[in-house]
Structures are given as structure tokens and as C-alpha cells.
């Protein structure tokens, strides 16, 4: 289960993290899962980024073509589940209904949740959902990052 924050980190270099990279690499072996609102969230951020001059229409179109090639399944949460499970999770966790849909689907599917959103991560912990973790960096990776002038710590999105 990946959310829009992970997906968009693949588009915007300044949002890339070891976690977002690890999720992308995992998609080479496993299918990703997202709720039906995920394409709307991704498209909305791309549209806003375009209006702000952060990305061109051609770049957004190319990114969409790239993510369309990934094995990401869009799962529908039925109306009844939205009005019961998702709404209850939203109320109990303080998450938006949108973010609670990712948590509900991860719980239902029994899969780890990959997100850069700290509130969603914390709600996942409270709900007992496994969080997708980036593998720890090796000593060699840390030395190479240092030589390239990169911090060993992940960047904040």
C-alpha cells in the first residue's frame, strides 16, 4: 500500500527519500495497492505544480505514463466501507477521510503501508498496521553519500 506522498516523491527530486526509492524498487517484485482516490490526489498535485511553474505539462504527462507502467492496483472501497470503516478511522485518528482510506485499505489487505506522511504513519502504528521501511544504509553507502556531499539522513518532503 503506497500513498500519493510516496508516488510524488518519484516525480519531484527534492521530495525523494530512501523510503520512496525503496518502494519503487519493491515494485519490481511486488504489486502496489492504492485506494481509488490515489489517481485524483496524484493528478491534483501535478496540476498544482504545473500552475506554479514547478513542472511542465509534458513532464507531468511523462510521469503519468511512467507510473501507468508500474504494477499498481487501484482498489475500490465501497460506499458502505467509506461511511463506516474509513469514517470511523478518520474520527479516531484525526486523519482526513482521504488519508484514512489508505489506512483502511492497508488494514483490509493486510499489507504494509508506505507513506511519508508522519500523521498517517503514526495512525498506522496505533492501528497495528505494519509500516514499509527502507532498508538501512550500508557503511559503503554512507561513505559514498558523504563523498557526493549528500547527507546520510533522509530529506524531508
N, C-alpha and C. Protein backbone atom coordinates (compact mmCIF):
# COMPACT_ATOMS: atom_id res chain seq x y z
N UNK A 1 0.85 -1.16 0.00
CA UNK A 1 0.00 0.00 0.00
C UNK A 1 0.90 1.23 0.00
N UNK A 2 0.78 2.03 -1.04
CA UNK A 2 1.56 3.26 -1.08
C UNK A 2 0.61 4.42 -1.26
N UNK A 3 1.01 5.56 -0.73
CA UNK A 3 0.15 6.72 -0.85
C UNK A 3 0.73 7.72 -1.85
N UNK A 4 0.03 8.82 -2.03
CA UNK A 4 0.44 9.82 -3.01
C UNK A 4 1.76 10.47 -2.64
N UNK A 5 2.08 10.59 -1.35
CA UNK A 5 3.35 11.21 -0.96
C UNK A 5 4.53 10.40 -1.48
N UNK A 6 4.42 9.09 -1.46
CA UNK A 6 5.48 8.23 -1.99
C UNK A 6 5.53 8.36 -3.51
N UNK A 7 4.39 8.29 -4.15
CA UNK A 7 4.33 8.37 -5.61
C UNK A 7 4.93 9.68 -6.11
N UNK A 8 4.56 10.78 -5.50
CA UNK A 8 5.00 12.09 -5.98
C UNK A 8 6.48 12.34 -5.70
N UNK A 9 7.03 11.62 -4.74
CA UNK A 9 8.48 11.72 -4.49
C UNK A 9 9.26 11.18 -5.68
N UNK A 10 8.65 10.34 -6.49
CA UNK A 10 9.31 9.84 -7.70
C UNK A 10 9.34 10.91 -8.78
N UNK A 11 8.46 11.87 -8.68
CA UNK A 11 8.36 12.93 -9.68
C UNK A 11 9.23 14.13 -9.32
N UNK A 12 9.27 14.47 -8.05
CA UNK A 12 9.95 15.67 -7.59
C UNK A 12 11.20 15.29 -6.81
N UNK A 13 12.35 15.57 -7.38
CA UNK A 13 13.62 15.14 -6.80
C UNK A 13 13.81 15.63 -5.37
N UNK A 14 13.33 16.83 -5.08
CA UNK A 14 13.51 17.36 -3.72
C UNK A 14 12.65 16.65 -2.68
N UNK A 15 11.76 15.77 -3.12
CA UNK A 15 10.94 15.01 -2.19
C UNK A 15 11.37 13.55 -2.09
N UNK A 16 12.36 13.17 -2.89
CA UNK A 16 12.83 11.79 -2.89
C UNK A 16 13.49 11.45 -1.56
N UNK A 17 13.21 10.25 -1.08
CA UNK A 17 13.78 9.76 0.17
C UNK A 17 14.21 8.31 -0.03
N UNK A 18 15.01 7.79 0.87
CA UNK A 18 15.32 6.36 0.80
C UNK A 18 14.04 5.50 0.82
N UNK A 19 13.03 5.95 1.56
CA UNK A 19 11.77 5.21 1.62
C UNK A 19 11.08 5.18 0.25
N UNK A 20 10.97 6.34 -0.39
CA UNK A 20 10.29 6.36 -1.70
C UNK A 20 11.07 5.54 -2.72
N UNK A 21 12.39 5.59 -2.66
CA UNK A 21 13.21 4.79 -3.57
C UNK A 21 13.03 3.30 -3.31
N UNK A 22 12.98 2.92 -2.03
CA UNK A 22 12.80 1.50 -1.68
C UNK A 22 11.45 0.98 -2.15
N UNK A 23 10.41 1.80 -2.05
CA UNK A 23 9.08 1.39 -2.54
C UNK A 23 9.13 1.19 -4.05
N UNK A 24 9.75 2.10 -4.75
CA UNK A 24 9.86 1.97 -6.21
C UNK A 24 10.61 0.68 -6.58
N UNK A 25 11.69 0.40 -5.88
CA UNK A 25 12.45 -0.82 -6.13
C UNK A 25 11.61 -2.07 -5.80
N UNK A 26 10.80 -2.00 -4.76
CA UNK A 26 9.96 -3.13 -4.37
C UNK A 26 8.92 -3.45 -5.44
N UNK A 27 8.51 -2.43 -6.19
CA UNK A 27 7.52 -2.64 -7.25
C UNK A 27 8.07 -3.47 -8.40
N UNK A 28 9.37 -3.69 -8.42
CA UNK A 28 9.95 -4.59 -9.42
C UNK A 28 9.57 -6.04 -9.11
N UNK A 29 9.23 -6.31 -7.83
CA UNK A 29 8.92 -7.68 -7.40
C UNK A 29 7.48 -7.88 -6.96
N UNK A 30 6.85 -6.82 -6.51
CA UNK A 30 5.51 -6.92 -5.93
C UNK A 30 4.57 -5.90 -6.54
N UNK A 31 3.31 -6.19 -6.42
CA UNK A 31 2.27 -5.28 -6.89
C UNK A 31 1.97 -4.26 -5.79
N UNK A 32 1.83 -3.02 -6.17
CA UNK A 32 1.43 -1.97 -5.23
C UNK A 32 -0.09 -1.90 -5.17
N UNK A 33 -0.57 -1.34 -4.10
CA UNK A 33 -2.01 -1.22 -3.89
C UNK A 33 -2.32 0.20 -3.46
N UNK A 34 -3.37 0.79 -4.03
CA UNK A 34 -3.79 2.14 -3.69
C UNK A 34 -5.32 2.21 -3.70
N UNK A 35 -5.90 3.13 -2.91
CA UNK A 35 -7.35 3.31 -2.99
C UNK A 35 -7.71 4.13 -4.24
N UNK A 36 -8.97 4.10 -4.59
CA UNK A 36 -9.43 4.73 -5.82
C UNK A 36 -9.22 6.24 -5.86
N UNK A 37 -8.96 6.88 -4.74
CA UNK A 37 -8.73 8.32 -4.76
C UNK A 37 -7.29 8.68 -5.12
N UNK A 38 -6.39 7.70 -5.11
CA UNK A 38 -4.97 7.95 -5.39
C UNK A 38 -4.73 8.66 -6.72
N UNK A 39 -5.35 8.25 -7.84
CA UNK A 39 -5.09 8.98 -9.09
C UNK A 39 -5.52 10.44 -9.01
N UNK A 40 -6.60 10.71 -8.28
CA UNK A 40 -7.07 12.09 -8.13
C UNK A 40 -6.05 12.91 -7.34
N UNK A 41 -5.52 12.32 -6.26
CA UNK A 41 -4.52 13.03 -5.47
C UNK A 41 -3.26 13.32 -6.27
N UNK A 42 -2.78 12.32 -6.99
CA UNK A 42 -1.58 12.50 -7.79
C UNK A 42 -1.83 13.55 -8.87
N UNK A 43 -2.94 13.44 -9.58
CA UNK A 43 -3.25 14.39 -10.64
C UNK A 43 -3.41 15.81 -10.09
N UNK A 44 -4.00 15.95 -8.92
CA UNK A 44 -4.19 17.27 -8.33
C UNK A 44 -2.85 17.93 -8.03
N UNK A 45 -1.92 17.18 -7.45
CA UNK A 45 -0.60 17.74 -7.14
C UNK A 45 0.12 18.11 -8.43
N UNK A 46 0.02 17.26 -9.45
CA UNK A 46 0.66 17.58 -10.73
C UNK A 46 0.06 18.85 -11.34
N UNK A 47 -1.26 19.00 -11.26
CA UNK A 47 -1.91 20.20 -11.79
C UNK A 47 -1.46 21.45 -11.02
N UNK A 48 -1.42 21.36 -9.70
CA UNK A 48 -0.97 22.50 -8.89
C UNK A 48 0.49 22.83 -9.17
N UNK A 49 1.32 21.81 -9.30
CA UNK A 49 2.73 22.03 -9.59
C UNK A 49 2.89 22.69 -10.96
N UNK A 50 2.04 22.32 -11.90
CA UNK A 50 2.07 22.95 -13.22
C UNK A 50 1.69 24.42 -13.15
N UNK A 51 0.65 24.73 -12.39
CA UNK A 51 0.22 26.12 -12.25
C UNK A 51 1.29 26.98 -11.59
N UNK A 52 2.07 26.36 -10.72
CA UNK A 52 3.13 27.09 -10.00
C UNK A 52 4.44 27.11 -10.77
N UNK A 53 4.46 26.51 -11.95
CA UNK A 53 5.66 26.50 -12.76
C UNK A 53 6.72 25.52 -12.30
N UNK A 54 6.34 24.58 -11.46
CA UNK A 54 7.29 23.61 -10.94
C UNK A 54 7.50 22.44 -11.90
N UNK A 55 6.52 22.22 -12.77
CA UNK A 55 6.57 21.10 -13.71
C UNK A 55 5.81 21.53 -14.96
N UNK A 56 6.27 21.07 -16.11
CA UNK A 56 5.56 21.38 -17.36
C UNK A 56 4.50 20.32 -17.61
N UNK A 57 3.61 20.63 -18.52
CA UNK A 57 2.59 19.64 -18.89
C UNK A 57 3.25 18.40 -19.48
N UNK A 58 4.28 18.59 -20.28
CA UNK A 58 4.99 17.46 -20.89
C UNK A 58 5.63 16.58 -19.81
N UNK A 59 6.22 17.21 -18.79
CA UNK A 59 6.83 16.45 -17.71
C UNK A 59 5.78 15.68 -16.91
N UNK A 60 4.66 16.31 -16.65
CA UNK A 60 3.58 15.64 -15.93
C UNK A 60 3.05 14.46 -16.74
N UNK A 61 2.87 14.66 -18.03
CA UNK A 61 2.39 13.58 -18.90
C UNK A 61 3.37 12.42 -18.93
N UNK A 62 4.65 12.73 -19.00
CA UNK A 62 5.68 11.68 -18.99
C UNK A 62 5.64 10.91 -17.67
N UNK A 63 5.50 11.63 -16.56
CA UNK A 63 5.44 10.98 -15.25
C UNK A 63 4.23 10.05 -15.17
N UNK A 64 3.10 10.51 -15.65
CA UNK A 64 1.88 9.69 -15.63
C UNK A 64 2.09 8.43 -16.47
N UNK A 65 2.72 8.56 -17.62
CA UNK A 65 3.00 7.38 -18.44
C UNK A 65 3.91 6.40 -17.70
N UNK A 66 4.87 6.94 -16.97
CA UNK A 66 5.79 6.08 -16.22
C UNK A 66 5.07 5.33 -15.09
N UNK A 67 4.24 6.04 -14.32
CA UNK A 67 3.56 5.34 -13.21
C UNK A 67 2.49 4.40 -13.73
N UNK A 68 1.95 4.68 -14.92
CA UNK A 68 0.99 3.75 -15.52
C UNK A 68 1.62 2.40 -15.85
N UNK A 69 2.93 2.39 -16.03
CA UNK A 69 3.63 1.14 -16.34
C UNK A 69 3.95 0.32 -15.09
N UNK A 70 3.80 0.91 -13.93
CA UNK A 70 4.11 0.20 -12.69
C UNK A 70 2.95 -0.71 -12.29
N UNK A 71 3.26 -1.80 -11.61
CA UNK A 71 2.19 -2.72 -11.18
C UNK A 71 1.48 -2.20 -9.92
N UNK A 72 0.65 -1.19 -10.13
CA UNK A 72 -0.10 -0.59 -9.03
C UNK A 72 -1.58 -0.83 -9.28
N UNK A 73 -2.21 -1.54 -8.36
CA UNK A 73 -3.64 -1.84 -8.48
C UNK A 73 -4.45 -0.81 -7.71
N UNK A 74 -5.45 -0.27 -8.37
CA UNK A 74 -6.36 0.68 -7.74
C UNK A 74 -7.55 -0.11 -7.20
N UNK A 75 -7.73 -0.04 -5.90
CA UNK A 75 -8.76 -0.82 -5.22
C UNK A 75 -9.91 0.09 -4.80
N UNK A 76 -11.10 -0.34 -5.11
CA UNK A 76 -12.28 0.43 -4.73
C UNK A 76 -12.70 0.10 -3.31
N UNK A 77 -12.93 1.14 -2.54
CA UNK A 77 -13.54 0.97 -1.22
C UNK A 77 -15.01 1.34 -1.42
N UNK A 78 -15.89 0.42 -1.18
CA UNK A 78 -17.31 0.66 -1.40
C UNK A 78 -17.86 1.75 -0.50
N UNK A 79 -18.99 2.27 -0.92
CA UNK A 79 -19.65 3.34 -0.18
C UNK A 79 -19.88 2.96 1.28
N UNK A 80 -20.35 1.74 1.52
CA UNK A 80 -20.60 1.32 2.90
C UNK A 80 -19.32 1.34 3.73
N UNK A 81 -18.21 0.87 3.13
CA UNK A 81 -16.95 0.86 3.86
C UNK A 81 -16.45 2.28 4.13
N UNK A 82 -16.64 3.18 3.18
CA UNK A 82 -16.24 4.57 3.39
C UNK A 82 -17.05 5.19 4.53
N UNK A 83 -18.36 4.94 4.54
CA UNK A 83 -19.21 5.56 5.56
C UNK A 83 -19.11 4.89 6.92
N UNK A 84 -18.47 3.74 6.98
CA UNK A 84 -18.31 3.07 8.29
C UNK A 84 -16.84 3.03 8.67
N UNK A 85 -16.09 2.12 8.10
CA UNK A 85 -14.69 1.90 8.49
C UNK A 85 -13.82 3.14 8.31
N UNK A 86 -13.87 3.72 7.13
CA UNK A 86 -13.00 4.86 6.84
C UNK A 86 -13.38 6.06 7.71
N UNK A 87 -14.65 6.34 7.82
CA UNK A 87 -15.10 7.46 8.64
C UNK A 87 -14.72 7.24 10.10
N UNK A 88 -14.89 6.04 10.60
CA UNK A 88 -14.52 5.74 11.99
C UNK A 88 -13.02 5.91 12.20
N UNK A 89 -12.21 5.41 11.27
CA UNK A 89 -10.75 5.59 11.36
C UNK A 89 -10.39 7.07 11.34
N UNK A 90 -11.04 7.83 10.50
CA UNK A 90 -10.79 9.27 10.42
C UNK A 90 -11.09 9.95 11.75
N UNK A 91 -12.25 9.62 12.32
CA UNK A 91 -12.65 10.23 13.59
C UNK A 91 -11.72 9.83 14.73
N UNK A 92 -11.32 8.56 14.77
CA UNK A 92 -10.50 8.10 15.89
C UNK A 92 -9.04 8.53 15.78
N UNK A 93 -8.56 8.75 14.56
CA UNK A 93 -7.15 9.07 14.37
C UNK A 93 -6.88 10.55 14.12
N UNK A 94 -7.92 11.29 13.75
CA UNK A 94 -7.72 12.69 13.39
C UNK A 94 -7.23 12.88 11.97
N UNK A 95 -7.16 11.78 11.21
CA UNK A 95 -6.76 11.87 9.81
C UNK A 95 -7.91 12.39 8.96
N UNK A 96 -7.57 12.92 7.80
CA UNK A 96 -8.63 13.22 6.84
C UNK A 96 -9.23 11.90 6.39
N UNK A 97 -10.42 11.94 5.86
CA UNK A 97 -11.05 10.74 5.32
C UNK A 97 -10.18 10.19 4.18
N UNK A 98 -9.57 11.09 3.44
CA UNK A 98 -8.71 10.66 2.33
C UNK A 98 -7.55 9.80 2.84
N UNK A 99 -6.84 10.30 3.86
CA UNK A 99 -5.72 9.54 4.42
C UNK A 99 -6.20 8.28 5.13
N UNK A 100 -7.33 8.37 5.78
CA UNK A 100 -7.89 7.19 6.47
C UNK A 100 -8.22 6.08 5.47
N UNK A 101 -8.51 6.43 4.21
CA UNK A 101 -8.80 5.39 3.21
C UNK A 101 -7.56 4.54 2.94
N UNK A 102 -6.37 5.14 2.96
CA UNK A 102 -5.14 4.37 2.79
C UNK A 102 -4.96 3.41 3.97
N UNK A 103 -5.22 3.90 5.16
CA UNK A 103 -5.10 3.08 6.37
C UNK A 103 -6.11 1.94 6.36
N UNK A 104 -7.34 2.23 5.97
CA UNK A 104 -8.38 1.19 5.92
C UNK A 104 -8.02 0.11 4.91
N UNK A 105 -7.53 0.51 3.76
CA UNK A 105 -7.18 -0.46 2.73
C UNK A 105 -5.97 -1.30 3.13
N UNK A 106 -4.98 -0.68 3.76
CA UNK A 106 -3.81 -1.44 4.24
C UNK A 106 -4.25 -2.46 5.29
N UNK A 107 -5.15 -2.06 6.17
CA UNK A 107 -5.66 -2.97 7.19
C UNK A 107 -6.43 -4.12 6.55
N UNK A 108 -7.33 -3.78 5.64
CA UNK A 108 -8.16 -4.78 4.96
C UNK A 108 -7.32 -5.78 4.18
N UNK A 109 -6.30 -5.28 3.46
CA UNK A 109 -5.48 -6.15 2.61
C UNK A 109 -4.36 -6.84 3.39
N UNK A 110 -4.09 -6.37 4.60
CA UNK A 110 -3.02 -6.96 5.40
C UNK A 110 -1.64 -6.74 4.80
N UNK A 111 -1.44 -5.55 4.23
CA UNK A 111 -0.16 -5.22 3.61
C UNK A 111 0.48 -4.03 4.33
N UNK A 112 1.81 -3.91 4.24
CA UNK A 112 2.49 -2.76 4.85
C UNK A 112 2.07 -1.46 4.17
N UNK A 113 2.07 -0.40 4.95
CA UNK A 113 1.72 0.93 4.47
C UNK A 113 2.99 1.73 4.22
N UNK A 114 3.14 2.27 3.02
CA UNK A 114 4.29 3.11 2.66
C UNK A 114 3.80 4.54 2.50
N UNK A 115 4.26 5.41 3.39
CA UNK A 115 3.88 6.81 3.33
C UNK A 115 4.98 7.67 3.93
N UNK A 116 5.08 8.90 3.43
CA UNK A 116 5.99 9.88 4.01
C UNK A 116 5.25 10.80 4.97
N UNK A 117 3.95 10.63 5.05
CA UNK A 117 3.09 11.46 5.91
C UNK A 117 3.20 10.97 7.35
N UNK A 118 3.78 11.79 8.21
CA UNK A 118 4.04 11.37 9.59
C UNK A 118 2.75 11.08 10.36
N UNK A 119 1.71 11.88 10.15
CA UNK A 119 0.44 11.62 10.86
C UNK A 119 -0.15 10.27 10.44
N UNK A 120 -0.07 9.97 9.15
CA UNK A 120 -0.58 8.69 8.66
C UNK A 120 0.28 7.54 9.19
N UNK A 121 1.58 7.73 9.25
CA UNK A 121 2.46 6.71 9.81
C UNK A 121 2.10 6.43 11.28
N UNK A 122 1.91 7.49 12.05
CA UNK A 122 1.57 7.32 13.46
C UNK A 122 0.21 6.64 13.63
N UNK A 123 -0.75 7.02 12.81
CA UNK A 123 -2.07 6.37 12.88
C UNK A 123 -1.95 4.90 12.51
N UNK A 124 -1.08 4.59 11.57
CA UNK A 124 -0.85 3.20 11.20
C UNK A 124 -0.28 2.39 12.35
N UNK A 125 0.66 2.99 13.07
CA UNK A 125 1.25 2.32 14.24
C UNK A 125 0.17 2.04 15.28
N UNK A 126 -0.64 3.05 15.57
CA UNK A 126 -1.72 2.90 16.56
C UNK A 126 -2.70 1.82 16.12
N UNK A 127 -2.99 1.75 14.82
CA UNK A 127 -3.95 0.77 14.29
C UNK A 127 -3.33 -0.62 14.14
N UNK A 128 -2.04 -0.73 14.39
CA UNK A 128 -1.38 -2.03 14.28
C UNK A 128 -1.03 -2.43 12.86
N UNK A 129 -0.96 -1.46 11.97
CA UNK A 129 -0.61 -1.72 10.57
C UNK A 129 0.92 -1.69 10.45
N UNK A 130 1.46 -2.68 9.75
CA UNK A 130 2.90 -2.70 9.50
C UNK A 130 3.26 -1.55 8.57
N UNK A 131 4.35 -0.87 8.88
CA UNK A 131 4.83 0.22 8.03
C UNK A 131 5.97 -0.30 7.15
N UNK A 132 5.92 0.08 5.89
CA UNK A 132 7.01 -0.26 4.97
C UNK A 132 8.23 0.53 5.39
N UNK A 133 9.36 -0.12 5.51
CA UNK A 133 10.59 0.53 5.94
C UNK A 133 11.64 0.44 4.84
N UNK A 134 12.38 1.51 4.66
CA UNK A 134 13.52 1.47 3.74
C UNK A 134 14.63 0.68 4.40
N UNK A 135 15.36 -0.10 3.63
CA UNK A 135 16.48 -0.83 4.22
C UNK A 135 17.53 0.15 4.75
N UNK A 136 18.20 -0.26 5.81
CA UNK A 136 19.25 0.58 6.39
C UNK A 136 20.40 0.71 5.39
N UNK A 137 21.04 1.87 5.40
CA UNK A 137 22.18 2.09 4.52
C UNK A 137 23.40 1.34 5.03
N UNK A 138 24.14 0.82 4.09
CA UNK A 138 25.39 0.14 4.44
C UNK A 138 26.46 1.20 4.71
N UNK A 139 27.54 0.79 5.33
CA UNK A 139 28.67 1.70 5.59
C UNK A 139 29.21 2.25 4.27
N UNK A 140 29.23 1.42 3.22
CA UNK A 140 29.71 1.86 1.91
C UNK A 140 28.81 2.95 1.36
N UNK A 141 27.48 2.77 1.48
CA UNK A 141 26.55 3.79 1.01
C UNK A 141 26.76 5.11 1.74
N UNK A 142 26.99 5.05 3.03
CA UNK A 142 27.19 6.26 3.82
C UNK A 142 28.46 6.98 3.37
N UNK A 143 29.53 6.24 3.12
CA UNK A 143 30.79 6.84 2.66
C UNK A 143 30.58 7.48 1.29
N UNK A 144 29.91 6.76 0.38
CA UNK A 144 29.66 7.30 -0.96
C UNK A 144 28.80 8.55 -0.89
N UNK A 145 27.76 8.55 -0.05
CA UNK A 145 26.93 9.75 0.12
C UNK A 145 27.75 10.92 0.63
N UNK A 146 28.63 10.64 1.59
CA UNK A 146 29.48 11.70 2.14
C UNK A 146 30.39 12.27 1.06
N UNK A 147 30.94 11.41 0.22
CA UNK A 147 31.82 11.87 -0.86
C UNK A 147 31.07 12.70 -1.89
N UNK A 148 29.80 12.40 -2.07
CA UNK A 148 28.97 13.15 -3.03
C UNK A 148 28.37 14.40 -2.39
N UNK A 149 28.64 14.59 -1.10
CA UNK A 149 28.11 15.78 -0.42
C UNK A 149 26.67 15.64 -0.02
N UNK A 150 26.17 14.40 0.07
CA UNK A 150 24.78 14.16 0.49
C UNK A 150 24.75 13.79 1.95
N UNK A 151 23.73 14.20 2.60
CA UNK A 151 23.52 13.82 3.99
C UNK A 151 23.10 12.37 4.04
N UNK A 152 23.52 11.69 5.10
CA UNK A 152 23.11 10.31 5.30
C UNK A 152 21.67 10.24 5.78
N UNK A 153 21.14 11.35 6.23
CA UNK A 153 19.77 11.39 6.74
C UNK A 153 18.81 11.64 5.58
N UNK A 154 17.63 11.00 5.62
CA UNK A 154 16.65 11.26 4.58
C UNK A 154 16.20 12.72 4.61
N UNK A 155 15.89 13.26 3.43
CA UNK A 155 15.40 14.63 3.34
C UNK A 155 13.91 14.65 3.64
N UNK A 156 13.47 15.72 4.24
CA UNK A 156 12.04 15.90 4.48
C UNK A 156 11.37 16.27 3.17
N UNK A 157 10.18 15.70 2.89
CA UNK A 157 9.48 16.04 1.64
C UNK A 157 9.02 17.49 1.63
